Amino acid sequence: MRMTAFDADDPATDNALLRYNIRQQTPDKPSPNMFYIDPEKGDIVTVVSPALLDREERPGCRKKRPRTDGEGGGSVQHR
């Protein structure tokens, strides 16, 4: 899965640089770190055995995925 975001700042400035991270995952079992997100590309991958992500046992996961916007206050859109 890939997270994408678009910044309205001038791409030639540091304000247009975006970084991704996962701040919190719910539920936090079987591991609080079931997923990894590439901070530059936004690619999200699992880092636990697929057997631990049984849909009948855990029907859903939520991840808070904040984006940081370069050096400051530009606007960020994501999808």
PDB file of N, CA and C in Angstrom:
ATOM      1  N   MET A   1       0.855  -1.143   0.000  1.00  0.00           N
ATOM      2  CA  MET A   1       0.000   0.000   0.000  1.00  0.00           C
ATOM      3  C   MET A   1       0.913   1.221   0.000  1.00  0.00           C
ATOM      4  N   ARG A   2       0.491   2.273  -0.642  1.00  0.00           N
ATOM      5  CA  ARG A   2       1.274   3.512  -0.660  1.00  0.00           C
ATOM      6  C   ARG A   2       0.403   4.690  -0.231  1.00  0.00           C
ATOM      7  N   MET A   3       0.919   5.454   0.697  1.00  0.00           N
ATOM      8  CA  MET A   3       0.300   6.706   1.131  1.00  0.00           C
ATOM      9  C   MET A   3       0.825   7.801   0.221  1.00  0.00           C
ATOM     10  N   THR A   4      -0.054   8.642  -0.308  1.00  0.00           N
ATOM     11  CA  THR A   4       0.403   9.754  -1.135  1.00  0.00           C
ATOM     12  C   THR A   4      -0.112  11.064  -0.558  1.00  0.00           C
ATOM     13  N   ALA A   5       0.690  12.086  -0.693  1.00  0.00           N
ATOM     14  CA  ALA A   5       0.313  13.422  -0.236  1.00  0.00           C
ATOM     15  C   ALA A   5       0.826  14.430  -1.248  1.00  0.00           C
ATOM     16  N   PHE A   6       0.155  15.550  -1.315  1.00  0.00           N
ATOM     17  CA  PHE A   6       0.545  16.609  -2.239  1.00  0.00           C
ATOM     18  C   PHE A   6       0.653  17.905  -1.456  1.00  0.00           C
ATOM     19  N   ASP A   7       1.719  18.631  -1.696  1.00  0.00           N
ATOM     20  CA  ASP A   7       1.959  19.887  -1.005  1.00  0.00           C
ATOM     21  C   ASP A   7       1.855  21.028  -2.006  1.00  0.00           C
ATOM     22  N   ALA A   8       1.119  22.055  -1.652  1.00  0.00           N
ATOM     23  CA  ALA A   8       0.916  23.188  -2.552  1.00  0.00           C
ATOM     24  C   ALA A   8       2.102  24.151  -2.566  1.00  0.00           C
ATOM     25  N   ASP A   9       3.103  23.925  -1.707  1.00  0.00           N
ATOM     26  CA  ASP A   9       4.269  24.806  -1.691  1.00  0.00           C
ATOM     27  C   ASP A   9       5.096  24.638  -2.960  1.00  0.00           C
ATOM     28  N   ASP A  10       5.922  25.627  -3.249  1.00  0.00           N
ATOM     29  CA  ASP A  10       6.826  25.597  -4.400  1.00  0.00           C
ATOM     30  C   ASP A  10       7.756  24.391  -4.263  1.00  0.00           C
ATOM     31  N   PRO A  11       7.774  23.471  -5.252  1.00  0.00           N
ATOM     32  CA  PRO A  11       8.603  22.269  -5.152  1.00  0.00           C
ATOM     33  C   PRO A  11      10.097  22.557  -5.047  1.00  0.00           C
ATOM     34  N   ALA A  12      10.526  23.753  -5.380  1.00  0.00           N
ATOM     35  CA  ALA A  12      11.944  24.100  -5.298  1.00  0.00           C
ATOM     36  C   ALA A  12      12.361  24.515  -3.885  1.00  0.00           C
ATOM     37  N   THR A  13      11.423  24.548  -2.940  1.00  0.00           N
ATOM     38  CA  THR A  13      11.749  24.969  -1.573  1.00  0.00           C
ATOM     39  C   THR A  13      11.681  23.788  -0.611  1.00  0.00           C
ATOM     40  N   ASP A  14      12.314  23.951   0.552  1.00  0.00           N
ATOM     41  CA  ASP A  14      12.277  22.904   1.583  1.00  0.00           C
ATOM     42  C   ASP A  14      10.871  22.677   2.125  1.00  0.00           C
ATOM     43  N   ASN A  15       9.993  23.664   2.014  1.00  0.00           N
ATOM     44  CA  ASN A  15       8.624  23.507   2.510  1.00  0.00           C
ATOM     45  C   ASN A  15       7.835  22.465   1.736  1.00  0.00           C
ATOM     46  N   ALA A  16       8.295  22.089   0.548  1.00  0.00           N
ATOM     47  CA  ALA A  16       7.582  21.101  -0.260  1.00  0.00           C
ATOM     48  C   ALA A  16       7.983  19.669   0.089  1.00  0.00           C
ATOM     49  N   LEU A  17       9.007  19.482   0.924  1.00  0.00           N
ATOM     50  CA  LEU A  17       9.445  18.138   1.305  1.00  0.00           C
ATOM     51  C   LEU A  17       8.435  17.519   2.267  1.00  0.00           C
ATOM     52  N   LEU A  18       8.018  16.296   1.977  1.00  0.00           N
ATOM     53  CA  LEU A  18       7.068  15.586   2.841  1.00  0.00           C
ATOM     54  C   LEU A  18       7.739  14.362   3.442  1.00  0.00           C
ATOM     55  N   ARG A  19       7.421  14.049   4.678  1.00  0.00           N
ATOM     56  CA  ARG A  19       7.907  12.845   5.354  1.00  0.00           C
ATOM     57  C   ARG A  19       6.709  12.167   6.007  1.00  0.00           C
ATOM     58  N   TYR A  20       6.685  10.852   5.946  1.00  0.00           N
ATOM     59  CA  TYR A  20       5.585  10.064   6.502  1.00  0.00           C
ATOM     60  C   TYR A  20       6.079   9.297   7.724  1.00  0.00           C
ATOM     61  N   ASN A  21       5.188   9.080   8.694  1.00  0.00           N
ATOM     62  CA  ASN A  21       5.477   8.159   9.791  1.00  0.00           C
ATOM     63  C   ASN A  21       4.159   7.671  10.367  1.00  0.00           C
ATOM     64  N   ILE A  22       4.236   6.568  11.090  1.00  0.00           N
ATOM     65  CA  ILE A  22       3.063   6.016  11.772  1.00  0.00           C
ATOM     66  C   ILE A  22       3.221   6.357  13.240  1.00  0.00           C
ATOM     67  N   ARG A  23       2.319   7.156  13.735  1.00  0.00           N
ATOM     68  CA  ARG A  23       2.389   7.612  15.120  1.00  0.00           C
ATOM     69  C   ARG A  23       1.768   6.605  16.077  1.00  0.00           C
ATOM     70  N   GLN A  24       0.700   5.929  15.646  1.00  0.00           N
ATOM     71  CA  GLN A  24      -0.001   4.997  16.524  1.00  0.00           C
ATOM     72  C   GLN A  24      -0.729   3.967  15.675  1.00  0.00           C
ATOM     73  N   GLN A  25      -0.754   2.722  16.158  1.00  0.00           N
ATOM     74  CA  GLN A  25      -1.488   1.656  15.484  1.00  0.00           C
ATOM     75  C   GLN A  25      -2.503   1.074  16.456  1.00  0.00           C
ATOM     76  N   THR A  26      -3.722   0.875  15.965  1.00  0.00           N
ATOM     77  CA  THR A  26      -4.785   0.312  16.783  1.00  0.00           C
ATOM     78  C   THR A  26      -5.411  -0.852  16.033  1.00  0.00           C
ATOM     79  N   PRO A  27      -5.502  -2.045  16.586  1.00  0.00           N
ATOM     80  CA  PRO A  27      -5.083  -2.428  17.934  1.00  0.00           C
ATOM     81  C   PRO A  27      -3.567  -2.558  18.006  1.00  0.00           C
ATOM     82  N   ASP A  28      -3.036  -2.595  19.232  1.00  0.00           N
ATOM     83  CA  ASP A  28      -1.591  -2.720  19.392  1.00  0.00           C
ATOM     84  C   ASP A  28      -1.156  -4.161  19.646  1.00  0.00           C
ATOM     85  N   LYS A  29      -2.059  -5.110  19.393  1.00  0.00           N
ATOM     86  CA  LYS A  29      -1.724  -6.531  19.534  1.00  0.00           C
ATOM     87  C   LYS A  29      -1.961  -7.215  18.200  1.00  0.00           C
ATOM     88  N   PRO A  30      -1.162  -8.104  17.758  1.00  0.00           N
ATOM     89  CA  PRO A  30      -0.132  -8.828  18.485  1.00  0.00           C
ATOM     90  C   PRO A  30       1.166  -8.051  18.679  1.00  0.00           C
ATOM     91  N   SER A  31       1.308  -6.905  18.071  1.00  0.00           N
ATOM     92  CA  SER A  31       2.527  -6.113  18.196  1.00  0.00           C
ATOM     93  C   SER A  31       2.164  -4.643  18.007  1.00  0.00           C
ATOM     94  N   PRO A  32       2.780  -3.744  18.764  1.00  0.00           N
ATOM     95  CA  PRO A  32       2.494  -2.327  18.555  1.00  0.00           C
ATOM     96  C   PRO A  32       3.129  -1.780  17.278  1.00  0.00           C
ATOM     97  N   ASN A  33       3.978  -2.584  16.646  1.00  0.00           N
ATOM     98  CA  ASN A  33       4.661  -2.165  15.420  1.00  0.00           C
ATOM     99  C   ASN A  33       4.431  -3.186  14.317  1.00  0.00           C
ATOM    100  N   MET A  34       3.180  -3.348  13.901  1.00  0.00           N
ATOM    101  CA  MET A  34       2.846  -4.329  12.865  1.00  0.00           C
ATOM    102  C   MET A  34       3.154  -3.817  11.467  1.00  0.00           C
ATOM    103  N   PHE A  35       3.269  -2.503  11.329  1.00  0.00           N
ATOM    104  CA  PHE A  35       3.456  -1.896  10.020  1.00  0.00           C
ATOM    105  C   PHE A  35       4.659  -0.965  10.042  1.00  0.00           C
ATOM    106  N   TYR A  36       5.257  -0.791   8.875  1.00  0.00           N
ATOM    107  CA  TYR A  36       6.350   0.162   8.689  1.00  0.00           C
ATOM    108  C   TYR A  36       5.974   1.043   7.509  1.00  0.00           C
ATOM    109  N   ILE A  37       6.255   2.320   7.593  1.00  0.00           N
ATOM    110  CA  ILE A  37       6.030   3.221   6.465  1.00  0.00           C
ATOM    111  C   ILE A  37       7.361   3.865   6.082  1.00  0.00           C
ATOM    112  N   ASP A  38       7.692   3.787   4.804  1.00  0.00           N
ATOM    113  CA  ASP A  38       8.905   4.432   4.303  1.00  0.00           C
ATOM    114  C   ASP A  38       8.712   5.943   4.446  1.00  0.00           C
ATOM    115  N   PRO A  39       9.584   6.625   5.187  1.00  0.00           N
ATOM    116  CA  PRO A  39       9.355   8.038   5.465  1.00  0.00           C
ATOM    117  C   PRO A  39       9.365   8.934   4.231  1.00  0.00           C
ATOM    118  N   GLU A  40      10.023   8.509   3.157  1.00  0.00           N
ATOM    119  CA  GLU A  40      10.095   9.345   1.956  1.00  0.00           C
ATOM    120  C   GLU A  40       9.086   8.942   0.889  1.00  0.00           C
ATOM    121  N   LYS A  41       8.890   7.643   0.680  1.00  0.00           N
ATOM    122  CA  LYS A  41       8.003   7.167  -0.387  1.00  0.00           C
ATOM    123  C   LYS A  41       6.557   6.997   0.060  1.00  0.00           C
ATOM    124  N   GLY A  42       6.337   6.727   1.355  1.00  0.00           N
ATOM    125  CA  GLY A  42       4.987   6.497   1.851  1.00  0.00           C
ATOM    126  C   GLY A  42       4.517   5.064   1.702  1.00  0.00           C
ATOM    127  N   ASP A  43       5.415   4.143   1.294  1.00  0.00           N
ATOM    128  CA  ASP A  43       5.040   2.733   1.168  1.00  0.00           C
ATOM    129  C   ASP A  43       4.811   2.142   2.554  1.00  0.00           C
ATOM    130  N   ILE A  44       3.676   1.450   2.730  1.00  0.00           N
ATOM    131  CA  ILE A  44       3.340   0.817   4.004  1.00  0.00           C
ATOM    132  C   ILE A  44       3.432  -0.691   3.822  1.00  0.00           C
ATOM    133  N   VAL A  45       4.193  -1.358   4.701  1.00  0.00           N
ATOM    134  CA  VAL A  45       4.350  -2.810   4.638  1.00  0.00           C
ATOM    135  C   VAL A  45       4.152  -3.398   6.032  1.00  0.00           C
ATOM    136  N   THR A  46       3.796  -4.688   6.073  1.00  0.00           N
ATOM    137  CA  THR A  46       3.687  -5.376   7.358  1.00  0.00           C
ATOM    138  C   THR A  46       5.067  -5.855   7.774  1.00  0.00           C
ATOM    139  N   VAL A  47       5.313  -5.874   9.070  1.00  0.00           N
ATOM    140  CA  VAL A  47       6.597  -6.339   9.585  1.00  0.00           C
ATOM    141  C   VAL A  47       6.415  -7.492  10.573  1.00  0.00           C
ATOM    142  N   VAL A  48       5.209  -8.057  10.615  1.00  0.00           N
ATOM    143  CA  VAL A  48       4.947  -9.253  11.414  1.00  0.00           C
ATOM    144  C   VAL A  48       4.457 -10.343  10.473  1.00  0.00           C
ATOM    145  N   SER A  49       4.448 -11.551  10.952  1.00  0.00           N
ATOM    146  CA  SER A  49       3.973 -12.679  10.158  1.00  0.00           C
ATOM    147  C   SER A  49       2.523 -12.453   9.734  1.00  0.00           C
ATOM    148  N   PRO A  50       2.192 -12.717   8.468  1.00  0.00           N
ATOM    149  CA  PRO A  50       0.800 -12.585   8.027  1.00  0.00           C
ATOM    150  C   PRO A  50      -0.170 -13.424   8.861  1.00  0.00           C
ATOM    151  N   ALA A  51       0.312 -14.517   9.449  1.00  0.00           N
ATOM    152  CA  ALA A  51      -0.548 -15.355  10.292  1.00  0.00           C
ATOM    153  C   ALA A  51      -1.050 -14.583  11.515  1.00  0.00           C
ATOM    154  N   LEU A  52      -0.314 -13.568  11.954  1.00  0.00           N
ATOM    155  CA  LEU A  52      -0.727 -12.767  13.108  1.00  0.00           C
ATOM    156  C   LEU A  52      -1.770 -11.718  12.743  1.00  0.00           C
ATOM    157  N   LEU A  53      -2.043 -11.568  11.453  1.00  0.00           N
ATOM    158  CA  LEU A  53      -3.017 -10.573  10.995  1.00  0.00           C
ATOM    159  C   LEU A  53      -4.274 -11.252  10.466  1.00  0.00           C
ATOM    160  N   ASP A  54      -4.720 -12.278  11.143  1.00  0.00           N
ATOM    161  CA  ASP A  54      -5.907 -13.039  10.756  1.00  0.00           C
ATOM    162  C   ASP A  54      -7.145 -12.149  10.817  1.00  0.00           C
ATOM    163  N   ARG A  55      -7.837 -12.006   9.705  1.00  0.00           N
ATOM    164  CA  ARG A  55      -8.997 -11.113   9.619  1.00  0.00           C
ATOM    165  C   ARG A  55     -10.138 -11.542  10.539  1.00  0.00           C
ATOM    166  N   GLU A  56     -10.297 -12.839  10.774  1.00  0.00           N
ATOM    167  CA  GLU A  56     -11.347 -13.294  11.689  1.00  0.00           C
ATOM    168  C   GLU A  56     -11.019 -12.915  13.134  1.00  0.00           C
ATOM    169  N   GLU A  57      -9.738 -12.875  13.463  1.00  0.00           N
ATOM    170  CA  GLU A  57      -9.312 -12.516  14.825  1.00  0.00           C
ATOM    171  C   GLU A  57      -9.299 -11.002  15.032  1.00  0.00           C
ATOM    172  N   ARG A  58      -8.836 -10.280  14.023  1.00  0.00           N
ATOM    173  CA  ARG A  58      -8.702  -8.821  14.095  1.00  0.00           C
ATOM    174  C   ARG A  58      -9.275  -8.224  12.822  1.00  0.00           C
ATOM    175  N   PRO A  59     -10.549  -7.851  12.837  1.00  0.00           N
ATOM    176  CA  PRO A  59     -11.207  -7.416  11.606  1.00  0.00           C
ATOM    177  C   PRO A  59     -10.696  -6.103  11.031  1.00  0.00           C
ATOM    178  N   GLY A  60      -9.931  -5.339  11.763  1.00  0.00           N
ATOM    179  CA  GLY A  60      -9.456  -4.077  11.198  1.00  0.00           C
ATOM    180  C   GLY A  60      -8.323  -3.480  11.995  1.00  0.00           C
ATOM    181  N   CYS A  61      -7.569  -2.634  11.341  1.00  0.00           N
ATOM    182  CA  CYS A  61      -6.486  -1.890  11.983  1.00  0.00           C
ATOM    183  C   CYS A  61      -6.623  -0.437  11.575  1.00  0.00           C
ATOM    184  N   ARG A  62      -6.223   0.442  12.464  1.00  0.00           N
ATOM    185  CA  ARG A  62      -6.173   1.865  12.129  1.00  0.00           C
ATOM    186  C   ARG A  62      -4.765   2.354  12.394  1.00  0.00           C
ATOM    187  N   LYS A  63      -4.301   3.225  11.517  1.00  0.00           N
ATOM    188  CA  LYS A  63      -2.978   3.801  11.662  1.00  0.00           C
ATOM    189  C   LYS A  63      -3.105   5.312  11.562  1.00  0.00           C
ATOM    190  N   LYS A  64      -2.508   6.017  12.495  1.00  0.00           N
ATOM    191  CA  LYS A  64      -2.438   7.472  12.379  1.00  0.00           C
ATOM    192  C   LYS A  64      -1.174   7.772  11.597  1.00  0.00           C
ATOM    193  N   ARG A  65      -1.334   8.447  10.448  1.00  0.00           N
ATOM    194  CA  ARG A  65      -0.219   8.656   9.542  1.00  0.00           C
ATOM    195  C   ARG A  65       0.021  10.149   9.333  1.00  0.00           C
ATOM    196  N   PRO A  66       0.650  10.784  10.271  1.00  0.00           N
ATOM    197  CA  PRO A  66       0.887  12.212  10.056  1.00  0.00           C
ATOM    198  C   PRO A  66       1.935  12.434   8.978  1.00  0.00           C
ATOM    199  N   ARG A  67       1.791  13.525   8.266  1.00  0.00           N
ATOM    200  CA  ARG A  67       2.780  13.938   7.299  1.00  0.00           C
ATOM    201  C   ARG A  67       3.428  15.194   7.840  1.00  0.00           C
ATOM    202  N   THR A  68       4.736  15.291   7.738  1.00  0.00           N
ATOM    203  CA  THR A  68       5.369  16.542   8.109  1.00  0.00           C
ATOM    204  C   THR A  68       5.692  17.295   6.840  1.00  0.00           C
ATOM    205  N   ASP A  69       5.589  18.583   6.919  1.00  0.00           N
ATOM    206  CA  ASP A  69       5.690  19.449   5.755  1.00  0.00           C
ATOM    207  C   ASP A  69       6.966  20.267   5.822  1.00  0.00           C
ATOM    208  N   GLY A  70       8.045  19.758   5.243  1.00  0.00           N
ATOM    209  CA  GLY A  70       9.290  20.510   5.115  1.00  0.00           C
ATOM    210  C   GLY A  70       9.657  21.286   6.362  1.00  0.00           C
ATOM    211  N   GLU A  71       9.851  22.561   6.197  1.00  0.00           N
ATOM    212  CA  GLU A  71      10.280  23.423   7.289  1.00  0.00           C
ATOM    213  C   GLU A  71       9.130  24.107   8.005  1.00  0.00           C
ATOM    214  N   GLY A  72       7.906  23.942   7.519  1.00  0.00           N
ATOM    215  CA  GLY A  72       6.877  24.668   8.247  1.00  0.00           C
ATOM    216  C   GLY A  72       5.529  24.672   7.589  1.00  0.00           C
ATOM    217  N   GLY A  73       4.830  25.763   7.716  1.00  0.00           N
ATOM    218  CA  GLY A  73       3.405  25.898   7.624  1.00  0.00           C
ATOM    219  C   GLY A  73       2.718  25.834   6.283  1.00  0.00           C
ATOM    220  N   GLY A  74       3.177  25.059   5.310  1.00  0.00           N
ATOM    221  CA  GLY A  74       2.415  24.952   4.075  1.00  0.00           C
ATOM    222  C   GLY A  74       1.246  24.005   4.221  1.00  0.00           C
ATOM    223  N   SER A  75       0.394  23.970   3.219  1.00  0.00           N
ATOM    224  CA  SER A  75      -0.760  23.074   3.279  1.00  0.00           C
ATOM    225  C   SER A  75      -0.405  21.728   2.672  1.00  0.00           C
ATOM    226  N   VAL A  76      -0.968  20.653   3.212  1.00  0.00           N
ATOM    227  CA  VAL A  76      -0.721  19.298   2.739  1.00  0.00           C
ATOM    228  C   VAL A  76      -2.054  18.646   2.455  1.00  0.00           C
ATOM    229  N   GLN A  77      -2.168  17.986   1.308  1.00  0.00           N
ATOM    230  CA  GLN A  77      -3.349  17.196   0.981  1.00  0.00           C
ATOM    231  C   GLN A  77      -2.901  15.757   0.831  1.00  0.00           C
ATOM    232  N   HIS A  78      -3.730  14.803   1.252  1.00  0.00           N
ATOM    233  CA  HIS A  78      -3.378  13.395   1.081  1.00  0.00           C
ATOM    234  C   HIS A  78      -4.586  12.635   0.617  1.00  0.00           C
ATOM    235  N   ARG A  79      -4.311  11.449   0.037  1.00  0.00           N
ATOM    236  CA  ARG A  79      -5.395  10.562  -0.364  1.00  0.00           C
ATOM    237  C   ARG A  79      -4.984   9.130  -0.163  1.00  0.00           C
TER     238      ARG A  79
END
